[in-house]
Amino acid sequence: MQVAQRVEDLERATRFYATFLQAEPRAVYDPPGLVFFDLDGVRLMLERNAPAAMLYIAVADIADAVDRLRAAGAPIRSEPHVIFTHADDALGPAGTQEWQAAFEDSEGNLVGLVSQVAD
């Protein structure tokens, strides 16, 4: 699986995502202007010509992720909050709470964070 994210400045976006994901890109092809990160088997492609997408990235500790993003100057658009509790294993481990937050990346895209927290 692969998800494309629109970028205006490929170098700026690459630095932003490398810092946020705490990982270096897996591949860079410029030209034509593509950068790939591995998100646990899903490729995140940064591309100048891609349409904007709403990404939700799973993180182990949502509060820590928001703190790191805030410290790096990323605008936080939605503070961490509970969306629902998993009654079964359909979308997450039963008995955990689904937490979400949102921030704006270096290119102005809204990006969601998601985390399952023990109830």
PDB file of N, CA and C in Angstrom:
ATOM      1  N   MET A   1       0.846  -1.172   0.000  1.00  0.00           N
ATOM      2  CA  MET A   1       0.000   0.000   0.000  1.00  0.00           C
ATOM      3  C   MET A   1       0.888   1.230   0.000  1.00  0.00           C
ATOM      4  N   GLN A   2       0.398   2.269  -0.660  1.00  0.00           N
ATOM      5  CA  GLN A   2       1.125   3.532  -0.736  1.00  0.00           C
ATOM      6  C   GLN A   2       0.141   4.681  -0.622  1.00  0.00           C
ATOM      7  N   VAL A   3       0.557   5.728   0.081  1.00  0.00           N
ATOM      8  CA  VAL A   3      -0.227   6.948   0.216  1.00  0.00           C
ATOM      9  C   VAL A   3       0.637   8.099  -0.268  1.00  0.00           C
ATOM     10  N   ALA A   4       0.077   8.957  -1.106  1.00  0.00           N
ATOM     11  CA  ALA A   4       0.794  10.134  -1.592  1.00  0.00           C
ATOM     12  C   ALA A   4       0.347  11.353  -0.805  1.00  0.00           C
ATOM     13  N   GLN A   5       1.304  12.216  -0.472  1.00  0.00           N
ATOM     14  CA  GLN A   5       1.004  13.462   0.227  1.00  0.00           C
ATOM     15  C   GLN A   5       1.568  14.612  -0.599  1.00  0.00           C
ATOM     16  N   ARG A   6       0.734  15.614  -0.859  1.00  0.00           N
ATOM     17  CA  ARG A   6       1.141  16.786  -1.630  1.00  0.00           C
ATOM     18  C   ARG A   6       2.169  17.613  -0.859  1.00  0.00           C
ATOM     19  N   VAL A   7       3.201  18.058  -1.587  1.00  0.00           N
ATOM     20  CA  VAL A   7       4.187  18.966  -1.009  1.00  0.00           C
ATOM     21  C   VAL A   7       4.464  20.082  -1.999  1.00  0.00           C
ATOM     22  N   GLU A   8       4.829  21.230  -1.484  1.00  0.00           N
ATOM     23  CA  GLU A   8       5.249  22.343  -2.334  1.00  0.00           C
ATOM     24  C   GLU A   8       6.767  22.423  -2.372  1.00  0.00           C
ATOM     25  N   ASP A   9       7.398  22.218  -1.226  1.00  0.00           N
ATOM     26  CA  ASP A   9       8.851  22.276  -1.115  1.00  0.00           C
ATOM     27  C   ASP A   9       9.334  20.904  -0.654  1.00  0.00           C
ATOM     28  N   LEU A  10       9.880  20.132  -1.577  1.00  0.00           N
ATOM     29  CA  LEU A  10      10.246  18.745  -1.301  1.00  0.00           C
ATOM     30  C   LEU A  10      11.307  18.634  -0.199  1.00  0.00           C
ATOM     31  N   GLU A  11      12.310  19.487  -0.224  1.00  0.00           N
ATOM     32  CA  GLU A  11      13.359  19.433   0.800  1.00  0.00           C
ATOM     33  C   GLU A  11      12.796  19.764   2.184  1.00  0.00           C
ATOM     34  N   ARG A  12      11.996  20.809   2.264  1.00  0.00           N
ATOM     35  CA  ARG A  12      11.394  21.203   3.547  1.00  0.00           C
ATOM     36  C   ARG A  12      10.508  20.092   4.080  1.00  0.00           C
ATOM     37  N   ALA A  13       9.670  19.513   3.212  1.00  0.00           N
ATOM     38  CA  ALA A  13       8.773  18.436   3.633  1.00  0.00           C
ATOM     39  C   ALA A  13       9.555  17.199   4.053  1.00  0.00           C
ATOM     40  N   THR A  14      10.627  16.894   3.351  1.00  0.00           N
ATOM     41  CA  THR A  14      11.455  15.737   3.707  1.00  0.00           C
ATOM     42  C   THR A  14      12.046  15.918   5.096  1.00  0.00           C
ATOM     43  N   ARG A  15      12.577  17.102   5.383  1.00  0.00           N
ATOM     44  CA  ARG A  15      13.121  17.378   6.729  1.00  0.00           C
ATOM     45  C   ARG A  15      12.031  17.260   7.791  1.00  0.00           C
ATOM     46  N   PHE A  16      10.858  17.824   7.492  1.00  0.00           N
ATOM     47  CA  PHE A  16       9.752  17.791   8.450  1.00  0.00           C
ATOM     48  C   PHE A  16       9.368  16.352   8.785  1.00  0.00           C
ATOM     49  N   TYR A  17       9.117  15.529   7.756  1.00  0.00           N
ATOM     50  CA  TYR A  17       8.679  14.157   7.995  1.00  0.00           C
ATOM     51  C   TYR A  17       9.794  13.290   8.584  1.00  0.00           C
ATOM     52  N   ALA A  18      11.039  13.531   8.209  1.00  0.00           N
ATOM     53  CA  ALA A  18      12.154  12.781   8.805  1.00  0.00           C
ATOM     54  C   ALA A  18      12.232  13.062  10.305  1.00  0.00           C
ATOM     55  N   THR A  19      12.041  14.318  10.693  1.00  0.00           N
ATOM     56  CA  THR A  19      12.055  14.677  12.115  1.00  0.00           C
ATOM     57  C   THR A  19      10.858  14.092  12.836  1.00  0.00           C
ATOM     58  N   PHE A  20       9.657  14.275  12.268  1.00  0.00           N
ATOM     59  CA  PHE A  20       8.440  13.781  12.911  1.00  0.00           C
ATOM     60  C   PHE A  20       8.439  12.259  13.030  1.00  0.00           C
ATOM     61  N   LEU A  21       8.791  11.569  11.950  1.00  0.00           N
ATOM     62  CA  LEU A  21       8.758  10.105  11.953  1.00  0.00           C
ATOM     63  C   LEU A  21       9.989   9.493  12.608  1.00  0.00           C
ATOM     64  N   GLN A  22      10.978  10.326  12.904  1.00  0.00           N
ATOM     65  CA  GLN A  22      12.244   9.868  13.483  1.00  0.00           C
ATOM     66  C   GLN A  22      12.855   8.769  12.623  1.00  0.00           C
ATOM     67  N   ALA A  23      12.830   9.011  11.304  1.00  0.00           N
ATOM     68  CA  ALA A  23      13.358   8.047  10.330  1.00  0.00           C
ATOM     69  C   ALA A  23      13.780   8.799   9.080  1.00  0.00           C
ATOM     70  N   GLU A  24      14.802   8.297   8.448  1.00  0.00           N
ATOM     71  CA  GLU A  24      15.244   8.862   7.177  1.00  0.00           C
ATOM     72  C   GLU A  24      14.407   8.282   6.042  1.00  0.00           C
ATOM     73  N   PRO A  25      14.312   8.994   4.920  1.00  0.00           N
ATOM     74  CA  PRO A  25      13.581   8.452   3.771  1.00  0.00           C
ATOM     75  C   PRO A  25      14.198   7.139   3.295  1.00  0.00           C
ATOM     76  N   ARG A  26      13.356   6.272   2.772  1.00  0.00           N
ATOM     77  CA  ARG A  26      13.833   5.009   2.194  1.00  0.00           C
ATOM     78  C   ARG A  26      14.408   5.237   0.808  1.00  0.00           C
ATOM     79  N   ALA A  27      13.857   6.213   0.066  1.00  0.00           N
ATOM     80  CA  ALA A  27      14.348   6.500  -1.278  1.00  0.00           C
ATOM     81  C   ALA A  27      13.972   7.930  -1.653  1.00  0.00           C
ATOM     82  N   VAL A  28      14.842   8.548  -2.459  1.00  0.00           N
ATOM     83  CA  VAL A  28      14.602   9.887  -2.985  1.00  0.00           C
ATOM     84  C   VAL A  28      14.854   9.831  -4.485  1.00  0.00           C
ATOM     85  N   TYR A  29      13.883  10.300  -5.268  1.00  0.00           N
ATOM     86  CA  TYR A  29      14.012  10.371  -6.712  1.00  0.00           C
ATOM     87  C   TYR A  29      13.679  11.797  -7.128  1.00  0.00           C
ATOM     88  N   ASP A  30      14.729  12.590  -7.343  1.00  0.00           N
ATOM     89  CA  ASP A  30      14.506  13.994  -7.697  1.00  0.00           C
ATOM     90  C   ASP A  30      15.525  14.410  -8.743  1.00  0.00           C
ATOM     91  N   PRO A  31      15.139  14.562 -10.023  1.00  0.00           N
ATOM     92  CA  PRO A  31      13.778  14.487 -10.495  1.00  0.00           C
ATOM     93  C   PRO A  31      13.250  13.056 -10.499  1.00  0.00           C
ATOM     94  N   PRO A  32      11.949  12.926 -10.500  1.00  0.00           N
ATOM     95  CA  PRO A  32      10.862  13.857 -10.755  1.00  0.00           C
ATOM     96  C   PRO A  32      10.304  14.553  -9.511  1.00  0.00           C
ATOM     97  N   GLY A  33      10.877  14.320  -8.324  1.00  0.00           N
ATOM     98  CA  GLY A  33      10.374  14.978  -7.120  1.00  0.00           C
ATOM     99  C   GLY A  33       9.558  14.065  -6.238  1.00  0.00           C
ATOM    100  N   LEU A  34      10.146  12.902  -5.896  1.00  0.00           N
ATOM    101  CA  LEU A  34       9.464  11.922  -5.052  1.00  0.00           C
ATOM    102  C   LEU A  34      10.371  11.527  -3.889  1.00  0.00           C
ATOM    103  N   VAL A  35       9.784  11.433  -2.697  1.00  0.00           N
ATOM    104  CA  VAL A  35      10.498  10.957  -1.507  1.00  0.00           C
ATOM    105  C   VAL A  35       9.606   9.922  -0.834  1.00  0.00           C
ATOM    106  N   PHE A  36      10.210   8.790  -0.431  1.00  0.00           N
ATOM    107  CA  PHE A  36       9.453   7.695   0.170  1.00  0.00           C
ATOM    108  C   PHE A  36       9.911   7.421   1.595  1.00  0.00           C
ATOM    109  N   PHE A  37       8.933   7.279   2.492  1.00  0.00           N
ATOM    110  CA  PHE A  37       9.166   6.830   3.861  1.00  0.00           C
ATOM    111  C   PHE A  37       8.409   5.524   4.061  1.00  0.00           C
ATOM    112  N   ASP A  38       8.916   4.670   4.934  1.00  0.00           N
ATOM    113  CA  ASP A  38       8.250   3.407   5.256  1.00  0.00           C
ATOM    114  C   ASP A  38       7.503   3.563   6.575  1.00  0.00           C
ATOM    115  N   LEU A  39       6.182   3.394   6.533  1.00  0.00           N
ATOM    116  CA  LEU A  39       5.347   3.457   7.732  1.00  0.00           C
ATOM    117  C   LEU A  39       4.871   2.048   8.050  1.00  0.00           C
ATOM    118  N   ASP A  40       5.747   1.250   8.606  1.00  0.00           N
ATOM    119  CA  ASP A  40       5.418  -0.144   8.948  1.00  0.00           C
ATOM    120  C   ASP A  40       4.795  -0.888   7.777  1.00  0.00           C
ATOM    121  N   GLY A  41       5.442  -0.806   6.620  1.00  0.00           N
ATOM    122  CA  GLY A  41       4.984  -1.538   5.446  1.00  0.00           C
ATOM    123  C   GLY A  41       4.105  -0.741   4.504  1.00  0.00           C
ATOM    124  N   VAL A  42       3.679   0.434   4.900  1.00  0.00           N
ATOM    125  CA  VAL A  42       2.929   1.325   4.012  1.00  0.00           C
ATOM    126  C   VAL A  42       3.885   2.428   3.574  1.00  0.00           C
ATOM    127  N   ARG A  43       3.967   2.633   2.260  1.00  0.00           N
ATOM    128  CA  ARG A  43       4.860   3.683   1.768  1.00  0.00           C
ATOM    129  C   ARG A  43       4.157   5.027   1.788  1.00  0.00           C
ATOM    130  N   LEU A  44       4.816   6.009   2.399  1.00  0.00           N
ATOM    131  CA  LEU A  44       4.374   7.395   2.350  1.00  0.00           C
ATOM    132  C   LEU A  44       5.219   8.068   1.278  1.00  0.00           C
ATOM    133  N   MET A  45       4.561   8.536   0.219  1.00  0.00           N
ATOM    134  CA  MET A  45       5.256   9.206  -0.869  1.00  0.00           C
ATOM    135  C   MET A  45       4.963  10.697  -0.803  1.00  0.00           C
ATOM    136  N   LEU A  46       5.998  11.489  -0.678  1.00  0.00           N
ATOM    137  CA  LEU A  46       5.867  12.939  -0.773  1.00  0.00           C
ATOM    138  C   LEU A  46       6.071  13.307  -2.238  1.00  0.00           C
ATOM    139  N   GLU A  47       5.099  14.043  -2.795  1.00  0.00           N
ATOM    140  CA  GLU A  47       5.136  14.340  -4.233  1.00  0.00           C
ATOM    141  C   GLU A  47       4.620  15.744  -4.498  1.00  0.00           C
ATOM    142  N   ARG A  48       5.332  16.466  -5.336  1.00  0.00           N
ATOM    143  CA  ARG A  48       4.938  17.838  -5.675  1.00  0.00           C
ATOM    144  C   ARG A  48       3.570  17.908  -6.350  1.00  0.00           C
ATOM    145  N   ASN A  49       3.218  16.927  -7.149  1.00  0.00           N
ATOM    146  CA  ASN A  49       1.986  17.003  -7.940  1.00  0.00           C
ATOM    147  C   ASN A  49       0.823  16.197  -7.365  1.00  0.00           C
ATOM    148  N   ALA A  50       0.972  15.652  -6.195  1.00  0.00           N
ATOM    149  CA  ALA A  50      -0.108  14.852  -5.602  1.00  0.00           C
ATOM    150  C   ALA A  50      -1.208  15.770  -5.068  1.00  0.00           C
ATOM    151  N   PRO A  51      -2.444  15.293  -5.078  1.00  0.00           N
ATOM    152  CA  PRO A  51      -3.500  16.064  -4.415  1.00  0.00           C
ATOM    153  C   PRO A  51      -3.328  15.953  -2.901  1.00  0.00           C
ATOM    154  N   ALA A  52      -3.868  16.914  -2.164  1.00  0.00           N
ATOM    155  CA  ALA A  52      -3.807  16.863  -0.707  1.00  0.00           C
ATOM    156  C   ALA A  52      -4.566  15.647  -0.205  1.00  0.00           C
ATOM    157  N   ALA A  53      -4.055  15.041   0.854  1.00  0.00           N
ATOM    158  CA  ALA A  53      -4.693  13.875   1.462  1.00  0.00           C
ATOM    159  C   ALA A  53      -4.782  14.109   2.962  1.00  0.00           C
ATOM    160  N   MET A  54      -5.717  13.442   3.599  1.00  0.00           N
ATOM    161  CA  MET A  54      -5.789  13.476   5.061  1.00  0.00           C
ATOM    162  C   MET A  54      -5.187  12.180   5.558  1.00  0.00           C
ATOM    163  N   LEU A  55      -3.991  12.247   6.087  1.00  0.00           N
ATOM    164  CA  LEU A  55      -3.305  11.081   6.632  1.00  0.00           C
ATOM    165  C   LEU A  55      -3.609  10.965   8.111  1.00  0.00           C
ATOM    166  N   TYR A  56      -3.742   9.740   8.596  1.00  0.00           N
ATOM    167  CA  TYR A  56      -3.804   9.446  10.021  1.00  0.00           C
ATOM    168  C   TYR A  56      -2.635   8.522  10.306  1.00  0.00           C
ATOM    169  N   ILE A  57      -1.718   8.967  11.127  1.00  0.00           N
ATOM    170  CA  ILE A  57      -0.511   8.204  11.417  1.00  0.00           C
ATOM    171  C   ILE A  57      -0.597   7.670  12.838  1.00  0.00           C
ATOM    172  N   ALA A  58      -0.416   6.354  12.978  1.00  0.00           N
ATOM    173  CA  ALA A  58      -0.460   5.711  14.294  1.00  0.00           C
ATOM    174  C   ALA A  58       0.831   6.012  15.042  1.00  0.00           C
ATOM    175  N   VAL A  59       0.688   6.398  16.296  1.00  0.00           N
ATOM    176  CA  VAL A  59       1.834   6.660  17.174  1.00  0.00           C
ATOM    177  C   VAL A  59       1.613   5.920  18.490  1.00  0.00           C
ATOM    178  N   ALA A  60       2.704   5.529  19.130  1.00  0.00           N
ATOM    179  CA  ALA A  60       2.604   4.801  20.393  1.00  0.00           C
ATOM    180  C   ALA A  60       2.163   5.713  21.530  1.00  0.00           C
ATOM    181  N   ASP A  61       2.666   6.934  21.544  1.00  0.00           N
ATOM    182  CA  ASP A  61       2.372   7.880  22.631  1.00  0.00           C
ATOM    183  C   ASP A  61       1.930   9.195  22.008  1.00  0.00           C
ATOM    184  N   ILE A  62       0.638   9.420  21.959  1.00  0.00           N
ATOM    185  CA  ILE A  62       0.096  10.588  21.266  1.00  0.00           C
ATOM    186  C   ILE A  62       0.496  11.900  21.948  1.00  0.00           C
ATOM    187  N   ALA A  63       0.551  11.917  23.265  1.00  0.00           N
ATOM    188  CA  ALA A  63       0.947  13.136  23.982  1.00  0.00           C
ATOM    189  C   ALA A  63       2.394  13.497  23.655  1.00  0.00           C
ATOM    190  N   ASP A  64       3.271  12.497  23.633  1.00  0.00           N
ATOM    191  CA  ASP A  64       4.672  12.736  23.287  1.00  0.00           C
ATOM    192  C   ASP A  64       4.805  13.233  21.857  1.00  0.00           C
ATOM    193  N   ALA A  65       4.066  12.631  20.931  1.00  0.00           N
ATOM    194  CA  ALA A  65       4.119  13.047  19.529  1.00  0.00           C
ATOM    195  C   ALA A  65       3.679  14.505  19.388  1.00  0.00           C
ATOM    196  N   VAL A  66       2.598  14.883  20.058  1.00  0.00           N
ATOM    197  CA  VAL A  66       2.117  16.268  20.001  1.00  0.00           C
ATOM    198  C   VAL A  66       3.138  17.208  20.628  1.00  0.00           C
ATOM    199  N   ASP A  67       3.739  16.814  21.737  1.00  0.00           N
ATOM    200  CA  ASP A  67       4.768  17.648  22.370  1.00  0.00           C
ATOM    201  C   ASP A  67       5.954  17.869  21.437  1.00  0.00           C
ATOM    202  N   ARG A  68       6.398  16.798  20.757  1.00  0.00           N
ATOM    203  CA  ARG A  68       7.532  16.927  19.832  1.00  0.00           C
ATOM    204  C   ARG A  68       7.171  17.822  18.643  1.00  0.00           C
ATOM    205  N   LEU A  69       5.964  17.660  18.115  1.00  0.00           N
ATOM    206  CA  LEU A  69       5.526  18.495  17.003  1.00  0.00           C
ATOM    207  C   LEU A  69       5.425  19.960  17.417  1.00  0.00           C
ATOM    208  N   ARG A  70       4.849  20.197  18.579  1.00  0.00           N
ATOM    209  CA  ARG A  70       4.724  21.567  19.081  1.00  0.00           C
ATOM    210  C   ARG A  70       6.099  22.196  19.273  1.00  0.00           C
ATOM    211  N   ALA A  71       7.038  21.449  19.856  1.00  0.00           N
ATOM    212  CA  ALA A  71       8.396  21.945  20.072  1.00  0.00           C
ATOM    213  C   ALA A  71       9.091  22.265  18.753  1.00  0.00           C
ATOM    214  N   ALA A  72       8.734  21.527  17.697  1.00  0.00           N
ATOM    215  CA  ALA A  72       9.322  21.760  16.382  1.00  0.00           C
ATOM    216  C   ALA A  72       8.616  22.892  15.630  1.00  0.00           C
ATOM    217  N   GLY A  73       7.571  23.463  16.228  1.00  0.00           N
ATOM    218  CA  GLY A  73       6.877  24.589  15.624  1.00  0.00           C
ATOM    219  C   GLY A  73       5.687  24.235  14.762  1.00  0.00           C
ATOM    220  N   ALA A  74       5.283  22.961  14.750  1.00  0.00           N
ATOM    221  CA  ALA A  74       4.120  22.565  13.948  1.00  0.00           C
ATOM    222  C   ALA A  74       2.843  23.056  14.630  1.00  0.00           C
ATOM    223  N   PRO A  75       1.947  23.692  13.900  1.00  0.00           N
ATOM    224  CA  PRO A  75       0.679  24.117  14.495  1.00  0.00           C
ATOM    225  C   PRO A  75      -0.180  22.895  14.865  1.00  0.00           C
ATOM    226  N   ILE A  76      -0.606  22.851  16.107  1.00  0.00           N
ATOM    227  CA  ILE A  76      -1.494  21.779  16.574  1.00  0.00           C
ATOM    228  C   ILE A  76      -2.917  22.272  16.355  1.00  0.00           C
ATOM    229  N   ARG A  77      -3.668  21.546  15.540  1.00  0.00           N
ATOM    230  CA  ARG A  77      -5.030  21.951  15.197  1.00  0.00           C
ATOM    231  C   ARG A  77      -6.088  21.276  16.059  1.00  0.00           C
ATOM    232  N   SER A  78      -5.727  20.155  16.677  1.00  0.00           N
ATOM    233  CA  SER A  78      -6.647  19.452  17.571  1.00  0.00           C
ATOM    234  C   SER A  78      -5.809  18.726  18.613  1.00  0.00           C
ATOM    235  N   GLU A  79      -6.015  19.068  19.869  1.00  0.00           N
ATOM    236  CA  GLU A  79      -5.284  18.438  20.963  1.00  0.00           C
ATOM    237  C   GLU A  79      -5.727  16.983  21.120  1.00  0.00           C
ATOM    238  N   PRO A  80      -4.886  16.145  21.729  1.00  0.00           N
ATOM    239  CA  PRO A  80      -5.276  14.744  21.927  1.00  0.00           C
ATOM    240  C   PRO A  80      -6.597  14.624  22.686  1.00  0.00           C
ATOM    241  N   HIS A  81      -7.468  13.767  22.170  1.00  0.00           N
ATOM    242  CA  HIS A  81      -8.767  13.551  22.814  1.00  0.00           C
ATOM    243  C   HIS A  81      -9.280  12.158  22.444  1.00  0.00           C
ATOM    244  N   VAL A  82     -10.142  11.628  23.289  1.00  0.00           N
ATOM    245  CA  VAL A  82     -10.719  10.300  23.064  1.00  0.00           C
ATOM    246  C   VAL A  82     -11.831  10.407  22.026  1.00  0.00           C
ATOM    247  N   ILE A  83     -11.790   9.504  21.042  1.00  0.00           N
ATOM    248  CA  ILE A  83     -12.835   9.429  20.019  1.00  0.00           C
ATOM    249  C   ILE A  83     -13.886   8.398  20.430  1.00  0.00           C
ATOM    250  N   PHE A  84     -13.419   7.202  20.837  1.00  0.00           N
ATOM    251  CA  PHE A  84     -14.323   6.153  21.293  1.00  0.00           C
ATOM    252  C   PHE A  84     -13.524   5.079  22.001  1.00  0.00           C
ATOM    253  N   THR A  85     -14.223   4.151  22.643  1.00  0.00           N
ATOM    254  CA  THR A  85     -13.610   2.987  23.282  1.00  0.00           C
ATOM    255  C   THR A  85     -13.934   1.757  22.448  1.00  0.00           C
ATOM    256  N   HIS A  86     -12.925   0.937  22.208  1.00  0.00           N
ATOM    257  CA  HIS A  86     -13.105  -0.283  21.415  1.00  0.00           C
ATOM    258  C   HIS A  86     -13.782  -1.355  22.272  1.00  0.00           C
ATOM    259  N   ALA A  87     -15.010  -1.689  21.919  1.00  0.00           N
ATOM    260  CA  ALA A  87     -15.747  -2.737  22.632  1.00  0.00           C
ATOM    261  C   ALA A  87     -15.318  -4.121  22.160  1.00  0.00           C
ATOM    262  N   ASP A  88     -14.817  -4.206  20.924  1.00  0.00           N
ATOM    263  CA  ASP A  88     -14.344  -5.476  20.369  1.00  0.00           C
ATOM    264  C   ASP A  88     -13.059  -5.204  19.588  1.00  0.00           C
ATOM    265  N   ASP A  89     -12.569  -6.207  18.892  1.00  0.00           N
ATOM    266  CA  ASP A  89     -11.310  -6.079  18.164  1.00  0.00           C
ATOM    267  C   ASP A  89     -11.498  -5.663  16.700  1.00  0.00           C
ATOM    268  N   ALA A  90     -12.650  -5.148  16.327  1.00  0.00           N
ATOM    269  CA  ALA A  90     -12.930  -4.825  14.930  1.00  0.00           C
ATOM    270  C   ALA A  90     -11.950  -3.784  14.365  1.00  0.00           C
ATOM    271  N   LEU A  91     -11.652  -2.726  15.112  1.00  0.00           N
ATOM    272  CA  LEU A  91     -10.767  -1.661  14.622  1.00  0.00           C
ATOM    273  C   LEU A  91      -9.564  -1.425  15.525  1.00  0.00           C
ATOM    274  N   GLY A  92      -9.510  -2.085  16.633  1.00  0.00           N
ATOM    275  CA  GLY A  92      -8.406  -1.929  17.575  1.00  0.00           C
ATOM    276  C   GLY A  92      -8.600  -2.894  18.715  1.00  0.00           C
ATOM    277  N   PRO A  93      -7.619  -3.021  19.572  1.00  0.00           N
ATOM    278  CA  PRO A  93      -7.729  -3.967  20.687  1.00  0.00           C
ATOM    279  C   PRO A  93      -8.919  -3.643  21.600  1.00  0.00           C
ATOM    280  N   ALA A  94      -9.736  -4.643  21.881  1.00  0.00           N
ATOM    281  CA  ALA A  94     -10.890  -4.453  22.772  1.00  0.00           C
ATOM    282  C   ALA A  94     -10.424  -3.903  24.110  1.00  0.00           C
ATOM    283  N   GLY A  95     -11.205  -2.981  24.643  1.00  0.00           N
ATOM    284  CA  GLY A  95     -10.891  -2.398  25.939  1.00  0.00           C
ATOM    285  C   GLY A  95      -9.907  -1.244  25.884  1.00  0.00           C
ATOM    286  N   THR A  96      -9.522  -0.799  24.679  1.00  0.00           N
ATOM    287  CA  THR A  96      -8.648   0.369  24.577  1.00  0.00           C
ATOM    288  C   THR A  96      -9.444   1.569  24.100  1.00  0.00           C
ATOM    289  N   GLN A  97      -8.932   2.732  24.396  1.00  0.00           N
ATOM    290  CA  GLN A  97      -9.536   3.971  23.916  1.00  0.00           C
ATOM    291  C   GLN A  97      -8.796   4.431  22.673  1.00  0.00           C
ATOM    292  N   GLU A  98      -9.542   4.918  21.707  1.00  0.00           N
ATOM    293  CA  GLU A  98      -8.974   5.495  20.489  1.00  0.00           C
ATOM    294  C   GLU A  98      -8.789   6.993  20.722  1.00  0.00           C
ATOM    295  N   TRP A  99      -7.545   7.443  20.699  1.00  0.00           N
ATOM    296  CA  TRP A  99      -7.212   8.858  20.874  1.00  0.00           C
ATOM    297  C   TRP A  99      -6.794   9.423  19.528  1.00  0.00           C
ATOM    298  N   GLN A 100      -7.166  10.690  19.276  1.00  0.00           N
ATOM    299  CA  GLN A 100      -6.748  11.365  18.060  1.00  0.00           C
ATOM    300  C   GLN A 100      -6.324  12.788  18.371  1.00  0.00           C
ATOM    301  N   ALA A 101      -5.496  13.312  17.501  1.00  0.00           N
ATOM    302  CA  ALA A 101      -5.062  14.706  17.516  1.00  0.00           C
ATOM    303  C   ALA A 101      -4.784  15.076  16.066  1.00  0.00           C
ATOM    304  N   ALA A 102      -4.559  16.350  15.790  1.00  0.00           N
ATOM    305  CA  ALA A 102      -4.248  16.768  14.421  1.00  0.00           C
ATOM    306  C   ALA A 102      -3.272  17.931  14.452  1.00  0.00           C
ATOM    307  N   PHE A 103      -2.413  17.955  13.434  1.00  0.00           N
ATOM    308  CA  PHE A 103      -1.446  19.037  13.293  1.00  0.00           C
ATOM    309  C   PHE A 103      -1.333  19.414  11.825  1.00  0.00           C
ATOM    310  N   GLU A 104      -0.674  20.536  11.584  1.00  0.00           N
ATOM    311  CA  GLU A 104      -0.427  20.995  10.223  1.00  0.00           C
ATOM    312  C   GLU A 104       1.037  20.738   9.904  1.00  0.00           C
ATOM    313  N   ASP A 105       1.298  20.075   8.777  1.00  0.00           N
ATOM    314  CA  ASP A 105       2.685  19.797   8.413  1.00  0.00           C
ATOM    315  C   ASP A 105       3.323  21.020   7.758  1.00  0.00           C
ATOM    316  N   SER A 106       4.560  20.877   7.332  1.00  0.00           N
ATOM    317  CA  SER A 106       5.313  21.997   6.768  1.00  0.00           C
ATOM    318  C   SER A 106       4.715  22.528   5.470  1.00  0.00           C
ATOM    319  N   GLU A 107       3.833  21.750   4.836  1.00  0.00           N
ATOM    320  CA  GLU A 107       3.231  22.137   3.561  1.00  0.00           C
ATOM    321  C   GLU A 107       1.795  22.609   3.696  1.00  0.00           C
ATOM    322  N   GLY A 108       1.307  22.728   4.943  1.00  0.00           N
ATOM    323  CA  GLY A 108      -0.059  23.177   5.176  1.00  0.00           C
ATOM    324  C   GLY A 108      -1.101  22.080   5.151  1.00  0.00           C
ATOM    325  N   ASN A 109      -0.670  20.806   5.047  1.00  0.00           N
ATOM    326  CA  ASN A 109      -1.606  19.677   5.065  1.00  0.00           C
ATOM    327  C   ASN A 109      -2.022  19.365   6.493  1.00  0.00           C
ATOM    328  N   LEU A 110      -3.287  19.056   6.689  1.00  0.00           N
ATOM    329  CA  LEU A 110      -3.767  18.596   7.982  1.00  0.00           C
ATOM    330  C   LEU A 110      -3.453  17.109   8.103  1.00  0.00           C
ATOM    331  N   VAL A 111      -2.782  16.716   9.186  1.00  0.00           N
ATOM    332  CA  VAL A 111      -2.384  15.330   9.416  1.00  0.00           C
ATOM    333  C   VAL A 111      -2.923  14.902  10.772  1.00  0.00           C
ATOM    334  N   GLY A 112      -3.555  13.735  10.807  1.00  0.00           N
ATOM    335  CA  GLY A 112      -4.091  13.210  12.055  1.00  0.00           C
ATOM    336  C   GLY A 112      -3.112  12.258  12.716  1.00  0.00           C
ATOM    337  N   LEU A 113      -3.183  12.193  14.030  1.00  0.00           N
ATOM    338  CA  LEU A 113      -2.455  11.211  14.825  1.00  0.00           C
ATOM    339  C   LEU A 113      -3.498  10.315  15.483  1.00  0.00           C
ATOM    340  N   VAL A 114      -3.194   9.049  15.606  1.00  0.00           N
ATOM    341  CA  VAL A 114      -4.101   8.113  16.255  1.00  0.00           C
ATOM    342  C   VAL A 114      -3.293   7.199  17.151  1.00  0.00           C
ATOM    343  N   SER A 115      -3.881   6.859  18.305  1.00  0.00           N
ATOM    344  CA  SER A 115      -3.206   5.973  19.252  1.00  0.00           C
ATOM    345  C   SER A 115      -4.271   5.211  20.046  1.00  0.00           C
ATOM    346  N   GLN A 116      -3.985   3.938  20.334  1.00  0.00           N
ATOM    347  CA  GLN A 116      -4.855   3.164  21.211  1.00  0.00           C
ATOM    348  C   GLN A 116      -4.218   3.153  22.603  1.00  0.00           C
ATOM    349  N   VAL A 117      -5.006   3.531  23.588  1.00  0.00           N
ATOM    350  CA  VAL A 117      -4.520   3.627  24.963  1.00  0.00           C
ATOM    351  C   VAL A 117      -5.335   2.695  25.829  1.00  0.00           C
ATOM    352  N   ALA A 118      -4.650   1.933  26.683  1.00  0.00           N
ATOM    353  CA  ALA A 118      -5.346   1.009  27.580  1.00  0.00           C
ATOM    354  C   ALA A 118      -6.364   1.776  28.402  1.00  0.00           C
ATOM    355  N   ASP A 119      -7.562   1.200  28.498  1.00  0.00           N
ATOM    356  CA  ASP A 119      -8.675   1.820  29.219  1.00  0.00           C
ATOM    357  C   ASP A 119      -8.422   1.851  30.703  1.00  0.00           C
TER     358      ASP A 119
END
